[in-house]
Amino acid sequence: MGKNKGSRVTITLECSCRNTKNTNQRTKGIMRYTTCKNKRNTPHRLEIKKFCNYCNKHELFKEIK
């Protein structure tokens, strides 16, 4: 049998530029990353700066449900 993962969960990070109407965007779409986090150590939602291919720059990615 496999190990119990415990308090680690898989989360999805979504770019915060998804609602902005910027004419300089290369293509329309939503950029998402998936990662894991420990619910015990970080109970709040994550916010990380990562590279967005649609904005072509580093943007703030927020955790979604």
PDB file of N, CA and C in Angstrom:
ATOM      1  N   MET A   1       0.836  -1.187   0.000  1.00  0.00           N
ATOM      2  CA  MET A   1       0.000   0.000   0.000  1.00  0.00           C
ATOM      3  C   MET A   1       0.876   1.243   0.000  1.00  0.00           C
ATOM      4  N   GLY A   2       0.328   2.325  -0.543  1.00  0.00           N
ATOM      5  CA  GLY A   2       1.047   3.592  -0.593  1.00  0.00           C
ATOM      6  C   GLY A   2       0.986   4.334   0.719  1.00  0.00           C
ATOM      7  N   LYS A   3       1.844   5.307   0.843  1.00  0.00           N
ATOM      8  CA  LYS A   3       1.870   6.119   2.054  1.00  0.00           C
ATOM      9  C   LYS A   3       0.725   7.120   2.055  1.00  0.00           C
ATOM     10  N   ASN A   4       0.316   7.495   3.258  1.00  0.00           N
ATOM     11  CA  ASN A   4      -0.693   8.530   3.416  1.00  0.00           C
ATOM     12  C   ASN A   4      -0.010   9.887   3.252  1.00  0.00           C
ATOM     13  N   LYS A   5      -0.555  10.751   2.408  1.00  0.00           N
ATOM     14  CA  LYS A   5       0.065  12.050   2.166  1.00  0.00           C
ATOM     15  C   LYS A   5      -0.106  13.001   3.335  1.00  0.00           C
ATOM     16  N   GLY A   6      -1.035  12.748   4.229  1.00  0.00           N
ATOM     17  CA  GLY A   6      -1.201  13.601   5.398  1.00  0.00           C
ATOM     18  C   GLY A   6      -1.836  14.924   5.050  1.00  0.00           C
ATOM     19  N   SER A   7      -1.171  16.004   5.437  1.00  0.00           N
ATOM     20  CA  SER A   7      -1.766  17.322   5.268  1.00  0.00           C
ATOM     21  C   SER A   7      -1.335  18.012   3.978  1.00  0.00           C
ATOM     22  N   ARG A   8      -0.625  17.316   3.100  1.00  0.00           N
ATOM     23  CA  ARG A   8      -0.215  17.936   1.827  1.00  0.00           C
ATOM     24  C   ARG A   8      -1.344  17.812   0.809  1.00  0.00           C
ATOM     25  N   VAL A   9      -1.646  18.932   0.147  1.00  0.00           N
ATOM     26  CA  VAL A   9      -2.704  18.953  -0.854  1.00  0.00           C
ATOM     27  C   VAL A   9      -2.164  19.569  -2.143  1.00  0.00           C
ATOM     28  N   THR A  10      -2.754  19.184  -3.271  1.00  0.00           N
ATOM     29  CA  THR A  10      -2.408  19.771  -4.559  1.00  0.00           C
ATOM     30  C   THR A  10      -3.262  21.010  -4.772  1.00  0.00           C
ATOM     31  N   ILE A  11      -2.618  22.105  -5.151  1.00  0.00           N
ATOM     32  CA  ILE A  11      -3.338  23.357  -5.381  1.00  0.00           C
ATOM     33  C   ILE A  11      -3.073  23.851  -6.791  1.00  0.00           C
ATOM     34  N   THR A  12      -3.923  24.761  -7.259  1.00  0.00           N
ATOM     35  CA  THR A  12      -3.772  25.376  -8.568  1.00  0.00           C
ATOM     36  C   THR A  12      -3.539  26.861  -8.375  1.00  0.00           C
ATOM     37  N   LEU A  13      -2.506  27.389  -9.052  1.00  0.00           N
ATOM     38  CA  LEU A  13      -2.204  28.816  -9.017  1.00  0.00           C
ATOM     39  C   LEU A  13      -2.618  29.416 -10.355  1.00  0.00           C
ATOM     40  N   GLU A  14      -3.353  30.538 -10.301  1.00  0.00           N
ATOM     41  CA  GLU A  14      -3.842  31.175 -11.514  1.00  0.00           C
ATOM     42  C   GLU A  14      -3.338  32.602 -11.592  1.00  0.00           C
ATOM     43  N   CYS A  15      -3.009  33.055 -12.787  1.00  0.00           N
ATOM     44  CA  CYS A  15      -2.470  34.393 -12.992  1.00  0.00           C
ATOM     45  C   CYS A  15      -3.506  35.449 -12.636  1.00  0.00           C
ATOM     46  N   SER A  16      -3.057  36.535 -12.010  1.00  0.00           N
ATOM     47  CA  SER A  16      -3.975  37.597 -11.614  1.00  0.00           C
ATOM     48  C   SER A  16      -4.338  38.498 -12.781  1.00  0.00           C
ATOM     49  N   CYS A  17      -3.698  38.329 -13.933  1.00  0.00           N
ATOM     50  CA  CYS A  17      -3.987  39.166 -15.106  1.00  0.00           C
ATOM     51  C   CYS A  17      -5.163  38.630 -15.909  1.00  0.00           C
ATOM     52  N   ARG A  18      -5.805  37.584 -15.473  1.00  0.00           N
ATOM     53  CA  ARG A  18      -6.835  36.931 -16.277  1.00  0.00           C
ATOM     54  C   ARG A  18      -8.044  37.821 -16.537  1.00  0.00           C
ATOM     55  N   ASN A  19      -8.323  38.809 -15.648  1.00  0.00           N
ATOM     56  CA  ASN A  19      -9.485  39.667 -15.825  1.00  0.00           C
ATOM     57  C   ASN A  19      -9.157  41.008 -16.460  1.00  0.00           C
ATOM     58  N   THR A  20      -7.884  41.323 -16.607  1.00  0.00           N
ATOM     59  CA  THR A  20      -7.514  42.625 -17.162  1.00  0.00           C
ATOM     60  C   THR A  20      -7.620  42.599 -18.680  1.00  0.00           C
ATOM     61  N   LYS A  21      -8.064  43.681 -19.245  1.00  0.00           N
ATOM     62  CA  LYS A  21      -8.188  43.811 -20.697  1.00  0.00           C
ATOM     63  C   LYS A  21      -7.014  44.635 -21.208  1.00  0.00           C
ATOM     64  N   ASN A  22      -5.903  43.990 -21.460  1.00  0.00           N
ATOM     65  CA  ASN A  22      -4.697  44.664 -21.928  1.00  0.00           C
ATOM     66  C   ASN A  22      -4.502  44.354 -23.406  1.00  0.00           C
ATOM     67  N   THR A  23      -4.307  45.378 -24.221  1.00  0.00           N
ATOM     68  CA  THR A  23      -4.152  45.170 -25.659  1.00  0.00           C
ATOM     69  C   THR A  23      -2.762  44.666 -26.021  1.00  0.00           C
ATOM     70  N   ASN A  24      -1.814  44.709 -25.081  1.00  0.00           N
ATOM     71  CA  ASN A  24      -0.450  44.268 -25.359  1.00  0.00           C
ATOM     72  C   ASN A  24      -0.265  42.764 -25.163  1.00  0.00           C
ATOM     73  N   GLN A  25      -1.327  42.048 -24.799  1.00  0.00           N
ATOM     74  CA  GLN A  25      -1.199  40.611 -24.590  1.00  0.00           C
ATOM     75  C   GLN A  25      -0.992  39.909 -25.926  1.00  0.00           C
ATOM     76  N   ARG A  26      -0.167  38.864 -25.896  1.00  0.00           N
ATOM     77  CA  ARG A  26       0.114  38.123 -27.129  1.00  0.00           C
ATOM     78  C   ARG A  26      -1.087  37.298 -27.551  1.00  0.00           C
ATOM     79  N   THR A  27      -1.651  36.539 -26.606  1.00  0.00           N
ATOM     80  CA  THR A  27      -2.818  35.718 -26.890  1.00  0.00           C
ATOM     81  C   THR A  27      -3.755  35.780 -25.697  1.00  0.00           C
ATOM     82  N   LYS A  28      -5.002  35.404 -25.918  1.00  0.00           N
ATOM     83  CA  LYS A  28      -5.953  35.373 -24.824  1.00  0.00           C
ATOM     84  C   LYS A  28      -5.930  33.986 -24.203  1.00  0.00           C
ATOM     85  N   GLY A  29      -6.036  33.919 -22.884  1.00  0.00           N
ATOM     86  CA  GLY A  29      -6.033  32.646 -22.202  1.00  0.00           C
ATOM     87  C   GLY A  29      -5.758  32.826 -20.731  1.00  0.00           C
ATOM     88  N   ILE A  30      -5.725  31.723 -20.020  1.00  0.00           N
ATOM     89  CA  ILE A  30      -5.470  31.739 -18.590  1.00  0.00           C
ATOM     90  C   ILE A  30      -4.253  30.865 -18.331  1.00  0.00           C
ATOM     91  N   MET A  31      -3.269  31.415 -17.650  1.00  0.00           N
ATOM     92  CA  MET A  31      -2.057  30.679 -17.307  1.00  0.00           C
ATOM     93  C   MET A  31      -2.224  30.093 -15.917  1.00  0.00           C
ATOM     94  N   ARG A  32      -1.964  28.801 -15.761  1.00  0.00           N
ATOM     95  CA  ARG A  32      -2.099  28.138 -14.464  1.00  0.00           C
ATOM     96  C   ARG A  32      -0.899  27.252 -14.191  1.00  0.00           C
ATOM     97  N   TYR A  33      -0.521  27.182 -12.915  1.00  0.00           N
ATOM     98  CA  TYR A  33       0.496  26.261 -12.416  1.00  0.00           C
ATOM     99  C   TYR A  33      -0.149  25.374 -11.370  1.00  0.00           C
ATOM    100  N   THR A  34       0.354  24.154 -11.209  1.00  0.00           N
ATOM    101  CA  THR A  34      -0.076  23.298 -10.111  1.00  0.00           C
ATOM    102  C   THR A  34       1.119  23.003  -9.228  1.00  0.00           C
ATOM    103  N   THR A  35       0.871  22.912  -7.931  1.00  0.00           N
ATOM    104  CA  THR A  35       1.919  22.637  -6.962  1.00  0.00           C
ATOM    105  C   THR A  35       1.278  22.022  -5.721  1.00  0.00           C
ATOM    106  N   CYS A  36       2.099  21.652  -4.754  1.00  0.00           N
ATOM    107  CA  CYS A  36       1.614  21.099  -3.498  1.00  0.00           C
ATOM    108  C   CYS A  36       1.965  22.045  -2.363  1.00  0.00           C
ATOM    109  N   LYS A  37       1.137  22.019  -1.324  1.00  0.00           N
ATOM    110  CA  LYS A  37       1.444  22.802  -0.132  1.00  0.00           C
ATOM    111  C   LYS A  37       1.007  22.016   1.090  1.00  0.00           C
ATOM    112  N   ASN A  38       1.587  22.356   2.226  1.00  0.00           N
ATOM    113  CA  ASN A  38       1.233  21.747   3.496  1.00  0.00           C
ATOM    114  C   ASN A  38       0.178  22.620   4.154  1.00  0.00           C
ATOM    115  N   LYS A  39      -1.019  22.052   4.378  1.00  0.00           N
ATOM    116  CA  LYS A  39      -2.111  22.826   4.952  1.00  0.00           C
ATOM    117  C   LYS A  39      -1.821  23.282   6.377  1.00  0.00           C
ATOM    118  N   ARG A  40      -1.044  22.501   7.104  1.00  0.00           N
ATOM    119  CA  ARG A  40      -0.738  22.861   8.496  1.00  0.00           C
ATOM    120  C   ARG A  40       0.185  24.068   8.581  1.00  0.00           C
ATOM    121  N   ASN A  41       1.187  24.128   7.714  1.00  0.00           N
ATOM    122  CA  ASN A  41       2.155  25.224   7.759  1.00  0.00           C
ATOM    123  C   ASN A  41       1.641  26.490   7.087  1.00  0.00           C
ATOM    124  N   THR A  42       0.859  26.352   6.027  1.00  0.00           N
ATOM    125  CA  THR A  42       0.339  27.517   5.298  1.00  0.00           C
ATOM    126  C   THR A  42      -1.169  27.375   5.134  1.00  0.00           C
ATOM    127  N   PRO A  43      -1.939  27.747   6.147  1.00  0.00           N
ATOM    128  CA  PRO A  43      -3.401  27.599   6.047  1.00  0.00           C
ATOM    129  C   PRO A  43      -4.050  28.625   5.124  1.00  0.00           C
ATOM    130  N   HIS A  44      -3.385  29.766   4.903  1.00  0.00           N
ATOM    131  CA  HIS A  44      -3.944  30.799   4.036  1.00  0.00           C
ATOM    132  C   HIS A  44      -3.638  30.488   2.572  1.00  0.00           C
ATOM    133  N   ARG A  45      -4.224  31.250   1.659  1.00  0.00           N
ATOM    134  CA  ARG A  45      -4.006  31.036   0.228  1.00  0.00           C
ATOM    135  C   ARG A  45      -2.652  31.578  -0.195  1.00  0.00           C
ATOM    136  N   LEU A  46      -1.983  30.837  -1.051  1.00  0.00           N
ATOM    137  CA  LEU A  46      -0.661  31.239  -1.522  1.00  0.00           C
ATOM    138  C   LEU A  46      -0.764  32.328  -2.595  1.00  0.00           C
ATOM    139  N   GLU A  47       0.222  33.213  -2.595  1.00  0.00           N
ATOM    140  CA  GLU A  47       0.392  34.205  -3.652  1.00  0.00           C
ATOM    141  C   GLU A  47       1.873  34.237  -4.000  1.00  0.00           C
ATOM    142  N   ILE A  48       2.210  33.831  -5.234  1.00  0.00           N
ATOM    143  CA  ILE A  48       3.601  33.705  -5.654  1.00  0.00           C
ATOM    144  C   ILE A  48       3.775  34.420  -6.984  1.00  0.00           C
ATOM    145  N   LYS A  49       4.906  35.125  -7.147  1.00  0.00           N
ATOM    146  CA  LYS A  49       5.224  35.735  -8.435  1.00  0.00           C
ATOM    147  C   LYS A  49       5.886  34.675  -9.319  1.00  0.00           C
ATOM    148  N   LYS A  50       5.271  34.420 -10.489  1.00  0.00           N
ATOM    149  CA  LYS A  50       5.798  33.466 -11.452  1.00  0.00           C
ATOM    150  C   LYS A  50       5.652  34.068 -12.849  1.00  0.00           C
ATOM    151  N   PHE A  51       6.270  33.409 -13.835  1.00  0.00           N
ATOM    152  CA  PHE A  51       6.233  33.923 -15.202  1.00  0.00           C
ATOM    153  C   PHE A  51       4.944  33.509 -15.892  1.00  0.00           C
ATOM    154  N   CYS A  52       4.273  34.484 -16.506  1.00  0.00           N
ATOM    155  CA  CYS A  52       3.044  34.239 -17.259  1.00  0.00           C
ATOM    156  C   CYS A  52       3.367  34.325 -18.741  1.00  0.00           C
ATOM    157  N   ASN A  53       3.087  33.260 -19.479  1.00  0.00           N
ATOM    158  CA  ASN A  53       3.364  33.238 -20.913  1.00  0.00           C
ATOM    159  C   ASN A  53       2.446  34.167 -21.692  1.00  0.00           C
ATOM    160  N   TYR A  54       1.244  34.415 -21.194  1.00  0.00           N
ATOM    161  CA  TYR A  54       0.295  35.251 -21.902  1.00  0.00           C
ATOM    162  C   TYR A  54       0.611  36.736 -21.733  1.00  0.00           C
ATOM    163  N   CYS A  55       1.126  37.120 -20.552  1.00  0.00           N
ATOM    164  CA  CYS A  55       1.517  38.516 -20.313  1.00  0.00           C
ATOM    165  C   CYS A  55       2.948  38.765 -20.768  1.00  0.00           C
ATOM    166  N   ASN A  56       3.725  37.702 -20.851  1.00  0.00           N
ATOM    167  CA  ASN A  56       5.142  37.752 -21.209  1.00  0.00           C
ATOM    168  C   ASN A  56       5.948  38.514 -20.153  1.00  0.00           C
ATOM    169  N   LYS A  57       5.563  38.368 -18.874  1.00  0.00           N
ATOM    170  CA  LYS A  57       6.287  38.979 -17.767  1.00  0.00           C
ATOM    171  C   LYS A  57       5.924  38.256 -16.473  1.00  0.00           C
ATOM    172  N   HIS A  58       6.613  38.582 -15.407  1.00  0.00           N
ATOM    173  CA  HIS A  58       6.335  37.983 -14.112  1.00  0.00           C
ATOM    174  C   HIS A  58       5.108  38.655 -13.497  1.00  0.00           C
ATOM    175  N   GLU A  59       4.144  37.850 -13.092  1.00  0.00           N
ATOM    176  CA  GLU A  59       2.893  38.325 -12.510  1.00  0.00           C
ATOM    177  C   GLU A  59       2.632  37.593 -11.209  1.00  0.00           C
ATOM    178  N   LEU A  60       1.683  38.099 -10.438  1.00  0.00           N
ATOM    179  CA  LEU A  60       1.284  37.478  -9.183  1.00  0.00           C
ATOM    180  C   LEU A  60       0.289  36.364  -9.476  1.00  0.00           C
ATOM    181  N   PHE A  61       0.599  35.156  -9.019  1.00  0.00           N
ATOM    182  CA  PHE A  61      -0.289  34.006  -9.178  1.00  0.00           C
ATOM    183  C   PHE A  61      -0.938  33.716  -7.832  1.00  0.00           C
ATOM    184  N   LYS A  62      -2.281  33.578  -7.815  1.00  0.00           N
ATOM    185  CA  LYS A  62      -3.004  33.345  -6.589  1.00  0.00           C
ATOM    186  C   LYS A  62      -3.627  31.956  -6.616  1.00  0.00           C
ATOM    187  N   GLU A  63      -3.753  31.377  -5.437  1.00  0.00           N
ATOM    188  CA  GLU A  63      -4.334  30.043  -5.300  1.00  0.00           C
ATOM    189  C   GLU A  63      -5.844  30.113  -5.539  1.00  0.00           C
ATOM    190  N   ILE A  64      -6.355  29.156  -6.335  1.00  0.00           N
ATOM    191  CA  ILE A  64      -7.792  29.049  -6.560  1.00  0.00           C
ATOM    192  C   ILE A  64      -8.265  27.724  -6.001  1.00  0.00           C
ATOM    193  N   LYS A  65      -9.565  27.552  -5.896  1.00  0.00           N
ATOM    194  CA  LYS A  65     -10.105  26.302  -5.342  1.00  0.00           C
ATOM    195  C   LYS A  65      -9.988  25.167  -6.320  1.00  0.00           C
TER     196      LYS A  65
END
